[in-house]
């Protein structure tokens, strides 16, 4: 993604101290951030209408944010199990 001028961040609802194994599996191209309090989940409407009440589950989403901090595109699958198509993301970055 860096060749396209993009940086990749992943946000997890897990506490930071539990993320080291996941960060390692994602590799150096992705920066993993903790949203333990759920503020980002709420701000971006990312809480899945979970099949696991009362547990909050984050759904997958991809946001393309410009250098001014504005969301230019939001790809929001309907379920926490769905993932945005990588080819579509690259297309939007070009």
PDB file of N, CA and C in Angstrom:
ATOM      1  N   UNK A   1       0.810  -1.189   0.000  1.00  0.00           N
ATOM      2  CA  UNK A   1       0.000   0.000   0.000  1.00  0.00           C
ATOM      3  C   UNK A   1       0.858   1.259   0.000  1.00  0.00           C
ATOM      4  N   UNK A   2       2.055   1.167   0.551  1.00  0.00           N
ATOM      5  CA  UNK A   2       2.899   2.363   0.619  1.00  0.00           C
ATOM      6  C   UNK A   2       3.231   2.896  -0.774  1.00  0.00           C
ATOM      7  N   UNK A   3       3.284   2.017  -1.783  1.00  0.00           N
ATOM      8  CA  UNK A   3       3.540   2.489  -3.148  1.00  0.00           C
ATOM      9  C   UNK A   3       2.396   3.365  -3.650  1.00  0.00           C
ATOM     10  N   UNK A   4       1.225   3.217  -3.070  1.00  0.00           N
ATOM     11  CA  UNK A   4       0.065   4.019  -3.444  1.00  0.00           C
ATOM     12  C   UNK A   4      -0.106   5.225  -2.532  1.00  0.00           C
ATOM     13  N   UNK A   5       0.845   5.435  -1.628  1.00  0.00           N
ATOM     14  CA  UNK A   5       0.779   6.561  -0.707  1.00  0.00           C
ATOM     15  C   UNK A   5      -0.174   6.333   0.450  1.00  0.00           C
ATOM     16  N   UNK A   6      -0.422   5.082   0.792  1.00  0.00           N
ATOM     17  CA  UNK A   6      -1.376   4.765   1.860  1.00  0.00           C
ATOM     18  C   UNK A   6      -0.675   4.077   3.018  1.00  0.00           C
ATOM     19  N   UNK A   7      -1.214   4.275   4.197  1.00  0.00           N
ATOM     20  CA  UNK A   7      -0.773   3.562   5.387  1.00  0.00           C
ATOM     21  C   UNK A   7      -1.936   2.697   5.851  1.00  0.00           C
ATOM     22  N   UNK A   8      -1.628   1.544   6.442  1.00  0.00           N
ATOM     23  CA  UNK A   8      -2.668   0.619   6.866  1.00  0.00           C
ATOM     24  C   UNK A   8      -2.642   0.489   8.387  1.00  0.00           C
ATOM     25  N   UNK A   9      -3.814   0.727   8.984  1.00  0.00           N
ATOM     26  CA  UNK A   9      -3.988   0.571  10.422  1.00  0.00           C
ATOM     27  C   UNK A   9      -5.144  -0.398  10.656  1.00  0.00           C
ATOM     28  N   UNK A  10      -5.007  -1.219  11.651  1.00  0.00           N
ATOM     29  CA  UNK A  10      -6.094  -2.116  12.063  1.00  0.00           C
ATOM     30  C   UNK A  10      -6.429  -1.779  13.505  1.00  0.00           C
ATOM     31  N   UNK A  11      -7.715  -1.750  13.799  1.00  0.00           N
ATOM     32  CA  UNK A  11      -8.167  -1.436  15.147  1.00  0.00           C
ATOM     33  C   UNK A  11      -8.831  -2.667  15.741  1.00  0.00           C
ATOM     34  N   UNK A  12      -8.427  -2.989  16.961  1.00  0.00           N
ATOM     35  CA  UNK A  12      -8.984  -4.135  17.673  1.00  0.00           C
ATOM     36  C   UNK A  12      -9.635  -3.652  18.959  1.00  0.00           C
ATOM     37  N   UNK A  13     -10.710  -4.325  19.337  1.00  0.00           N
ATOM     38  CA  UNK A  13     -11.367  -3.998  20.606  1.00  0.00           C
ATOM     39  C   UNK A  13     -10.655  -4.620  21.799  1.00  0.00           C
ATOM     40  N   UNK A  14      -9.621  -5.420  21.539  1.00  0.00           N
ATOM     41  CA  UNK A  14      -8.867  -6.049  22.622  1.00  0.00           C
ATOM     42  C   UNK A  14      -7.913  -5.053  23.273  1.00  0.00           C
ATOM     43  N   UNK A  15      -7.598  -5.261  24.558  1.00  0.00           N
ATOM     44  CA  UNK A  15      -6.611  -4.398  25.228  1.00  0.00           C
ATOM     45  C   UNK A  15      -5.235  -4.524  24.553  1.00  0.00           C
ATOM     46  N   UNK A  16      -4.469  -3.464  24.596  1.00  0.00           N
ATOM     47  CA  UNK A  16      -3.167  -3.414  23.927  1.00  0.00           C
ATOM     48  C   UNK A  16      -2.254  -4.563  24.326  1.00  0.00           C
ATOM     49  N   UNK A  17      -2.271  -4.950  25.598  1.00  0.00           N
ATOM     50  CA  UNK A  17      -1.366  -6.002  26.066  1.00  0.00           C
ATOM     51  C   UNK A  17      -1.686  -7.372  25.455  1.00  0.00           C
ATOM     52  N   UNK A  18      -2.853  -7.529  24.861  1.00  0.00           N
ATOM     53  CA  UNK A  18      -3.223  -8.812  24.248  1.00  0.00           C
ATOM     54  C   UNK A  18      -2.976  -8.840  22.740  1.00  0.00           C
ATOM     55  N   UNK A  19      -2.421  -7.769  22.191  1.00  0.00           N
ATOM     56  CA  UNK A  19      -2.329  -7.653  20.739  1.00  0.00           C
ATOM     57  C   UNK A  19      -0.982  -8.021  20.133  1.00  0.00           C
ATOM     58  N   UNK A  20       0.013  -8.351  20.929  1.00  0.00           N
ATOM     59  CA  UNK A  20       1.352  -8.575  20.374  1.00  0.00           C
ATOM     60  C   UNK A  20       1.389  -9.735  19.380  1.00  0.00           C
ATOM     61  N   UNK A  21       0.704 -10.841  19.656  1.00  0.00           N
ATOM     62  CA  UNK A  21       0.695 -11.965  18.714  1.00  0.00           C
ATOM     63  C   UNK A  21      -0.007 -11.589  17.411  1.00  0.00           C
ATOM     64  N   UNK A  22      -1.114 -10.865  17.525  1.00  0.00           N
ATOM     65  CA  UNK A  22      -1.832 -10.441  16.328  1.00  0.00           C
ATOM     66  C   UNK A  22      -0.980  -9.472  15.515  1.00  0.00           C
ATOM     67  N   UNK A  23      -0.317  -8.530  16.171  1.00  0.00           N
ATOM     68  CA  UNK A  23       0.551  -7.581  15.474  1.00  0.00           C
ATOM     69  C   UNK A  23       1.641  -8.323  14.710  1.00  0.00           C
ATOM     70  N   UNK A  24       2.217  -9.331  15.328  1.00  0.00           N
ATOM     71  CA  UNK A  24       3.258 -10.122  14.683  1.00  0.00           C
ATOM     72  C   UNK A  24       2.717 -10.831  13.444  1.00  0.00           C
ATOM     73  N   UNK A  25       1.501 -11.365  13.521  1.00  0.00           N
ATOM     74  CA  UNK A  25       0.927 -12.074  12.379  1.00  0.00           C
ATOM     75  C   UNK A  25       0.564 -11.123  11.239  1.00  0.00           C
ATOM     76  N   UNK A  26       0.247  -9.871  11.545  1.00  0.00           N
ATOM     77  CA  UNK A  26      -0.093  -8.898  10.516  1.00  0.00           C
ATOM     78  C   UNK A  26       1.139  -8.397   9.774  1.00  0.00           C
ATOM     79  N   UNK A  27       2.278  -8.437  10.422  1.00  0.00           N
ATOM     80  CA  UNK A  27       3.513  -7.994   9.785  1.00  0.00           C
ATOM     81  C   UNK A  27       3.731  -6.503   9.901  1.00  0.00           C
ATOM     82  N   UNK A  28       4.849  -6.056   9.347  1.00  0.00           N
ATOM     83  CA  UNK A  28       5.274  -4.670   9.479  1.00  0.00           C
ATOM     84  C   UNK A  28       4.432  -3.704   8.652  1.00  0.00           C
ATOM     85  N   UNK A  29       3.685  -4.196   7.681  1.00  0.00           N
ATOM     86  CA  UNK A  29       2.909  -3.309   6.815  1.00  0.00           C
ATOM     87  C   UNK A  29       1.624  -2.793   7.429  1.00  0.00           C
ATOM     88  N   UNK A  30       1.268  -3.305   8.609  1.00  0.00           N
ATOM     89  CA  UNK A  30       0.026  -2.914   9.272  1.00  0.00           C
ATOM     90  C   UNK A  30       0.343  -2.489  10.700  1.00  0.00           C
ATOM     91  N   UNK A  31      -0.176  -1.333  11.105  1.00  0.00           N
ATOM     92  CA  UNK A  31      -0.040  -0.884  12.482  1.00  0.00           C
ATOM     93  C   UNK A  31      -1.332  -1.214  13.208  1.00  0.00           C
ATOM     94  N   UNK A  32      -1.227  -1.971  14.281  1.00  0.00           N
ATOM     95  CA  UNK A  32      -2.397  -2.409  15.041  1.00  0.00           C
ATOM     96  C   UNK A  32      -2.615  -1.469  16.223  1.00  0.00           C
ATOM     97  N   UNK A  33      -3.845  -1.006  16.367  1.00  0.00           N
ATOM     98  CA  UNK A  33      -4.217  -0.093  17.438  1.00  0.00           C
ATOM     99  C   UNK A  33      -5.290  -0.734  18.317  1.00  0.00           C
ATOM    100  N   UNK A  34      -5.272  -0.428  19.602  1.00  0.00           N
ATOM    101  CA  UNK A  34      -6.268  -0.953  20.532  1.00  0.00           C
ATOM    102  C   UNK A  34      -7.366   0.082  20.760  1.00  0.00           C
ATOM    103  N   UNK A  35      -8.603  -0.383  20.699  1.00  0.00           N
ATOM    104  CA  UNK A  35      -9.770   0.439  21.028  1.00  0.00           C
ATOM    105  C   UNK A  35     -10.501  -0.244  22.175  1.00  0.00           C
ATOM    106  N   UNK A  36      -9.777  -0.480  23.245  1.00  0.00           N
ATOM    107  CA  UNK A  36     -10.293  -1.229  24.395  1.00  0.00           C
ATOM    108  C   UNK A  36     -11.570  -0.619  24.960  1.00  0.00           C
ATOM    109  N   UNK A  37     -11.703   0.690  24.933  1.00  0.00           N
ATOM    110  CA  UNK A  37     -12.896   1.338  25.468  1.00  0.00           C
ATOM    111  C   UNK A  37     -14.054   1.406  24.484  1.00  0.00           C
ATOM    112  N   UNK A  38     -13.799   1.103  23.215  1.00  0.00           N
ATOM    113  CA  UNK A  38     -14.856   1.087  22.211  1.00  0.00           C
ATOM    114  C   UNK A  38     -15.219   2.433  21.621  1.00  0.00           C
ATOM    115  N   UNK A  39     -14.440   3.467  21.893  1.00  0.00           N
ATOM    116  CA  UNK A  39     -14.750   4.798  21.366  1.00  0.00           C
ATOM    117  C   UNK A  39     -14.754   4.866  19.845  1.00  0.00           C
ATOM    118  N   UNK A  40     -13.773   4.230  19.207  1.00  0.00           N
ATOM    119  CA  UNK A  40     -13.719   4.235  17.740  1.00  0.00           C
ATOM    120  C   UNK A  40     -14.861   3.407  17.164  1.00  0.00           C
ATOM    121  N   UNK A  41     -15.165   2.281  17.805  1.00  0.00           N
ATOM    122  CA  UNK A  41     -16.294   1.460  17.345  1.00  0.00           C
ATOM    123  C   UNK A  41     -17.573   2.285  17.315  1.00  0.00           C
ATOM    124  N   UNK A  42     -17.803   3.041  18.361  1.00  0.00           N
ATOM    125  CA  UNK A  42     -19.012   3.855  18.430  1.00  0.00           C
ATOM    126  C   UNK A  42     -18.966   5.008  17.436  1.00  0.00           C
ATOM    127  N   UNK A  43     -17.831   5.690  17.346  1.00  0.00           N
ATOM    128  CA  UNK A  43     -17.708   6.854  16.469  1.00  0.00           C
ATOM    129  C   UNK A  43     -17.913   6.504  15.000  1.00  0.00           C
ATOM    130  N   UNK A  44     -17.474   5.304  14.606  1.00  0.00           N
ATOM    131  CA  UNK A  44     -17.590   4.889  13.210  1.00  0.00           C
ATOM    132  C   UNK A  44     -18.731   3.894  12.989  1.00  0.00           C
ATOM    133  N   UNK A  45     -19.625   3.754  13.971  1.00  0.00           N
ATOM    134  CA  UNK A  45     -20.775   2.834  13.873  1.00  0.00           C
ATOM    135  C   UNK A  45     -20.339   1.430  13.467  1.00  0.00           C
ATOM    136  N   UNK A  46     -19.349   0.911  14.168  1.00  0.00           N
ATOM    137  CA  UNK A  46     -18.760  -0.373  13.802  1.00  0.00           C
ATOM    138  C   UNK A  46     -19.195  -1.528  14.697  1.00  0.00           C
ATOM    139  N   UNK A  47     -20.189  -1.323  15.554  1.00  0.00           N
ATOM    140  CA  UNK A  47     -20.663  -2.413  16.402  1.00  0.00           C
ATOM    141  C   UNK A  47     -21.625  -3.273  15.593  1.00  0.00           C
ATOM    142  N   UNK A  48     -21.297  -4.554  15.480  1.00  0.00           N
ATOM    143  CA  UNK A  48     -22.137  -5.503  14.765  1.00  0.00           C
ATOM    144  C   UNK A  48     -23.386  -5.754  15.603  1.00  0.00           C
ATOM    145  N   UNK A  49     -24.572  -5.787  14.973  1.00  0.00           N
ATOM    146  CA  UNK A  49     -25.750  -6.193  15.736  1.00  0.00           C
ATOM    147  C   UNK A  49     -25.585  -7.676  16.056  1.00  0.00           C
ATOM    148  N   UNK A  50     -24.801  -7.902  17.043  1.00  0.00           N
ATOM    149  CA  UNK A  50     -24.192  -9.192  17.359  1.00  0.00           C
ATOM    150  C   UNK A  50     -25.158 -10.330  17.635  1.00  0.00           C
ATOM    151  N   UNK A  51     -24.759 -11.504  17.156  1.00  0.00           N
ATOM    152  CA  UNK A  51     -25.493 -12.700  17.542  1.00  0.00           C
ATOM    153  C   UNK A  51     -25.052 -13.206  18.922  1.00  0.00           C
ATOM    154  N   UNK A  52     -24.218 -12.415  19.627  1.00  0.00           N
ATOM    155  CA  UNK A  52     -23.656 -12.828  20.911  1.00  0.00           C
ATOM    156  C   UNK A  52     -24.023 -11.859  22.033  1.00  0.00           C
ATOM    157  N   UNK A  53     -25.270 -11.433  22.191  1.00  0.00           N
ATOM    158  CA  UNK A  53     -25.566 -10.474  23.250  1.00  0.00           C
ATOM    159  C   UNK A  53     -25.210 -11.044  24.608  1.00  0.00           C
ATOM    160  N   UNK A  54     -24.790 -10.252  25.569  1.00  0.00           N
ATOM    161  CA  UNK A  54     -24.629  -8.801  25.539  1.00  0.00           C
ATOM    162  C   UNK A  54     -23.240  -8.369  25.072  1.00  0.00           C
ATOM    163  N   UNK A  55     -22.463  -9.272  24.542  1.00  0.00           N
ATOM    164  CA  UNK A  55     -21.096  -8.952  24.100  1.00  0.00           C
ATOM    165  C   UNK A  55     -21.130  -8.087  22.843  1.00  0.00           C
ATOM    166  N   UNK A  56     -20.293  -7.054  22.836  1.00  0.00           N
ATOM    167  CA  UNK A  56     -20.174  -6.192  21.658  1.00  0.00           C
ATOM    168  C   UNK A  56     -19.134  -6.796  20.719  1.00  0.00           C
ATOM    169  N   UNK A  57     -19.494  -6.924  19.465  1.00  0.00           N
ATOM    170  CA  UNK A  57     -18.595  -7.468  18.459  1.00  0.00           C
ATOM    171  C   UNK A  57     -18.401  -6.409  17.382  1.00  0.00           C
ATOM    172  N   UNK A  58     -17.157  -6.175  17.021  1.00  0.00           N
ATOM    173  CA  UNK A  58     -16.855  -5.204  15.972  1.00  0.00           C
ATOM    174  C   UNK A  58     -17.052  -5.857  14.610  1.00  0.00           C
ATOM    175  N   UNK A  59     -17.710  -5.125  13.710  1.00  0.00           N
ATOM    176  CA  UNK A  59     -17.786  -5.613  12.341  1.00  0.00           C
ATOM    177  C   UNK A  59     -16.589  -5.086  11.577  1.00  0.00           C
ATOM    178  N   UNK A  60     -16.293  -5.730  10.507  1.00  0.00           N
ATOM    179  CA  UNK A  60     -15.161  -5.332   9.688  1.00  0.00           C
ATOM    180  C   UNK A  60     -15.518  -4.074   8.905  1.00  0.00           C
ATOM    181  N   UNK A  61     -14.558  -3.215   8.728  1.00  0.00           N
ATOM    182  CA  UNK A  61     -14.777  -2.023   7.917  1.00  0.00           C
ATOM    183  C   UNK A  61     -13.449  -1.478   7.445  1.00  0.00           C
ATOM    184  N   UNK A  62     -13.482  -0.809   6.318  1.00  0.00           N
ATOM    185  CA  UNK A  62     -12.293  -0.161   5.780  1.00  0.00           C
ATOM    186  C   UNK A  62     -12.659   1.281   5.479  1.00  0.00           C
ATOM    187  N   UNK A  63     -11.836   2.194   5.979  1.00  0.00           N
ATOM    188  CA  UNK A  63     -12.059   3.618   5.762  1.00  0.00           C
ATOM    189  C   UNK A  63     -10.853   4.194   5.042  1.00  0.00           C
ATOM    190  N   UNK A  64     -11.098   4.903   3.972  1.00  0.00           N
ATOM    191  CA  UNK A  64     -10.033   5.625   3.286  1.00  0.00           C
ATOM    192  C   UNK A  64     -10.128   7.069   3.760  1.00  0.00           C
ATOM    193  N   UNK A  65      -9.084   7.499   4.462  1.00  0.00           N
ATOM    194  CA  UNK A  65      -9.066   8.815   5.089  1.00  0.00           C
ATOM    195  C   UNK A  65      -7.990   9.644   4.414  1.00  0.00           C
ATOM    196  N   UNK A  66      -8.363  10.838   3.949  1.00  0.00           N
ATOM    197  CA  UNK A  66      -7.407  11.667   3.223  1.00  0.00           C
ATOM    198  C   UNK A  66      -6.437  12.354   4.190  1.00  0.00           C
ATOM    199  N   UNK A  67      -5.405  12.994   3.655  1.00  0.00           N
ATOM    200  CA  UNK A  67      -4.404  13.643   4.527  1.00  0.00           C
ATOM    201  C   UNK A  67      -4.981  14.720   5.444  1.00  0.00           C
ATOM    202  N   UNK A  68      -6.165  15.248   5.107  1.00  0.00           N
ATOM    203  CA  UNK A  68      -6.811  16.250   5.959  1.00  0.00           C
ATOM    204  C   UNK A  68      -7.676  15.619   7.049  1.00  0.00           C
ATOM    205  N   UNK A  69      -7.712  14.282   7.099  1.00  0.00           N
ATOM    206  CA  UNK A  69      -8.471  13.586   8.126  1.00  0.00           C
ATOM    207  C   UNK A  69      -9.929  13.343   7.788  1.00  0.00           C
ATOM    208  N   UNK A  70     -10.326  13.576   6.547  1.00  0.00           N
ATOM    209  CA  UNK A  70     -11.717  13.355   6.132  1.00  0.00           C
ATOM    210  C   UNK A  70     -11.878  11.943   5.577  1.00  0.00           C
ATOM    211  N   UNK A  71     -12.974  11.305   5.948  1.00  0.00           N
ATOM    212  CA  UNK A  71     -13.285   9.982   5.416  1.00  0.00           C
ATOM    213  C   UNK A  71     -13.783  10.170   3.987  1.00  0.00           C
ATOM    214  N   UNK A  72     -13.035   9.603   3.032  1.00  0.00           N
ATOM    215  CA  UNK A  72     -13.393   9.714   1.610  1.00  0.00           C
ATOM    216  C   UNK A  72     -14.196   8.518   1.119  1.00  0.00           C
ATOM    217  N   UNK A  73     -14.029   7.390   1.762  1.00  0.00           N
ATOM    218  CA  UNK A  73     -14.751   6.177   1.368  1.00  0.00           C
ATOM    219  C   UNK A  73     -14.869   5.280   2.590  1.00  0.00           C
ATOM    220  N   UNK A  74     -16.011   4.668   2.762  1.00  0.00           N
ATOM    221  CA  UNK A  74     -16.227   3.708   3.841  1.00  0.00           C
ATOM    222  C   UNK A  74     -16.783   2.423   3.233  1.00  0.00           C
ATOM    223  N   UNK A  75     -16.070   1.337   3.427  1.00  0.00           N
ATOM    224  CA  UNK A  75     -16.501   0.026   2.951  1.00  0.00           C
ATOM    225  C   UNK A  75     -16.927  -0.760   4.182  1.00  0.00           C
ATOM    226  N   UNK A  76     -18.214  -0.997   4.322  1.00  0.00           N
ATOM    227  CA  UNK A  76     -18.763  -1.573   5.546  1.00  0.00           C
ATOM    228  C   UNK A  76     -19.584  -2.825   5.242  1.00  0.00           C
ATOM    229  N   UNK A  77     -18.946  -3.979   5.291  1.00  0.00           N
ATOM    230  CA  UNK A  77     -19.695  -5.222   5.099  1.00  0.00           C
ATOM    231  C   UNK A  77     -20.741  -5.381   6.198  1.00  0.00           C
ATOM    232  N   UNK A  78     -21.739  -6.190   5.972  1.00  0.00           N
ATOM    233  CA  UNK A  78     -22.834  -6.348   6.906  1.00  0.00           C
ATOM    234  C   UNK A  78     -22.537  -7.201   8.125  1.00  0.00           C
ATOM    235  N   UNK A  79     -21.401  -7.896   8.151  1.00  0.00           N
ATOM    236  CA  UNK A  79     -21.121  -8.828   9.239  1.00  0.00           C
ATOM    237  C   UNK A  79     -19.664  -8.716   9.676  1.00  0.00           C
ATOM    238  N   UNK A  80     -19.412  -9.094  10.922  1.00  0.00           N
ATOM    239  CA  UNK A  80     -18.029  -9.114  11.418  1.00  0.00           C
ATOM    240  C   UNK A  80     -17.198 -10.167  10.687  1.00  0.00           C
ATOM    241  N   UNK A  81     -17.841 -11.118  10.037  1.00  0.00           N
ATOM    242  CA  UNK A  81     -17.114 -12.178   9.324  1.00  0.00           C
ATOM    243  C   UNK A  81     -16.676 -11.755   7.924  1.00  0.00           C
ATOM    244  N   UNK A  82     -17.317 -10.766   7.353  1.00  0.00           N
ATOM    245  CA  UNK A  82     -17.018 -10.323   5.985  1.00  0.00           C
ATOM    246  C   UNK A  82     -15.807  -9.395   5.979  1.00  0.00           C
ATOM    247  N   UNK A  83     -15.064  -9.427   4.902  1.00  0.00           N
ATOM    248  CA  UNK A  83     -13.898  -8.557   4.736  1.00  0.00           C
ATOM    249  C   UNK A  83     -14.012  -7.829   3.400  1.00  0.00           C
ATOM    250  N   UNK A  84     -13.612  -6.562   3.360  1.00  0.00           N
ATOM    251  CA  UNK A  84     -13.639  -5.833   2.091  1.00  0.00           C
ATOM    252  C   UNK A  84     -12.674  -6.464   1.085  1.00  0.00           C
ATOM    253  N   UNK A  85     -13.005  -6.348  -0.172  1.00  0.00           N
ATOM    254  CA  UNK A  85     -12.191  -6.883  -1.248  1.00  0.00           C
ATOM    255  C   UNK A  85     -10.930  -6.027  -1.441  1.00  0.00           C
ATOM    256  N   UNK A  86      -9.766  -6.651  -1.386  1.00  0.00           N
ATOM    257  CA  UNK A  86      -8.489  -5.926  -1.506  1.00  0.00           C
ATOM    258  C   UNK A  86      -8.370  -5.217  -2.851  1.00  0.00           C
ATOM    259  N   UNK A  87      -8.835  -5.841  -3.925  1.00  0.00           N
ATOM    260  CA  UNK A  87      -8.760  -5.203  -5.246  1.00  0.00           C
ATOM    261  C   UNK A  87      -9.564  -3.912  -5.284  1.00  0.00           C
ATOM    262  N   UNK A  88     -10.704  -3.911  -4.618  1.00  0.00           N
ATOM    263  CA  UNK A  88     -11.543  -2.685  -4.564  1.00  0.00           C
ATOM    264  C   UNK A  88     -10.825  -1.581  -3.796  1.00  0.00           C
ATOM    265  N   UNK A  89     -10.153  -1.921  -2.730  1.00  0.00           N
ATOM    266  CA  UNK A  89      -9.417  -0.933  -1.949  1.00  0.00           C
ATOM    267  C   UNK A  89      -8.307  -0.311  -2.793  1.00  0.00           C
ATOM    268  N   UNK A  90      -7.546  -1.146  -3.481  1.00  0.00           N
ATOM    269  CA  UNK A  90      -6.467  -0.646  -4.339  1.00  0.00           C
ATOM    270  C   UNK A  90      -7.033   0.253  -5.436  1.00  0.00           C
ATOM    271  N   UNK A  91      -8.150  -0.154  -6.023  1.00  0.00           N
ATOM    272  CA  UNK A  91      -8.801   0.654  -7.066  1.00  0.00           C
ATOM    273  C   UNK A  91      -9.160   2.042  -6.533  1.00  0.00           C
ATOM    274  N   UNK A  92      -9.686   2.112  -5.327  1.00  0.00           N
ATOM    275  CA  UNK A  92     -10.076   3.399  -4.735  1.00  0.00           C
ATOM    276  C   UNK A  92      -8.858   4.276  -4.416  1.00  0.00           C
ATOM    277  N   UNK A  93      -7.732   3.652  -4.110  1.00  0.00           N
ATOM    278  CA  UNK A  93      -6.519   4.415  -3.778  1.00  0.00           C
ATOM    279  C   UNK A  93      -5.867   5.022  -5.024  1.00  0.00           C
ATOM    280  N   UNK A  94      -6.131   4.436  -6.170  1.00  0.00           N
ATOM    281  CA  UNK A  94      -5.509   4.948  -7.413  1.00  0.00           C
ATOM    282  C   UNK A  94      -6.205   6.146  -7.860  1.00  0.00           C
TER     283      UNK A  94
END
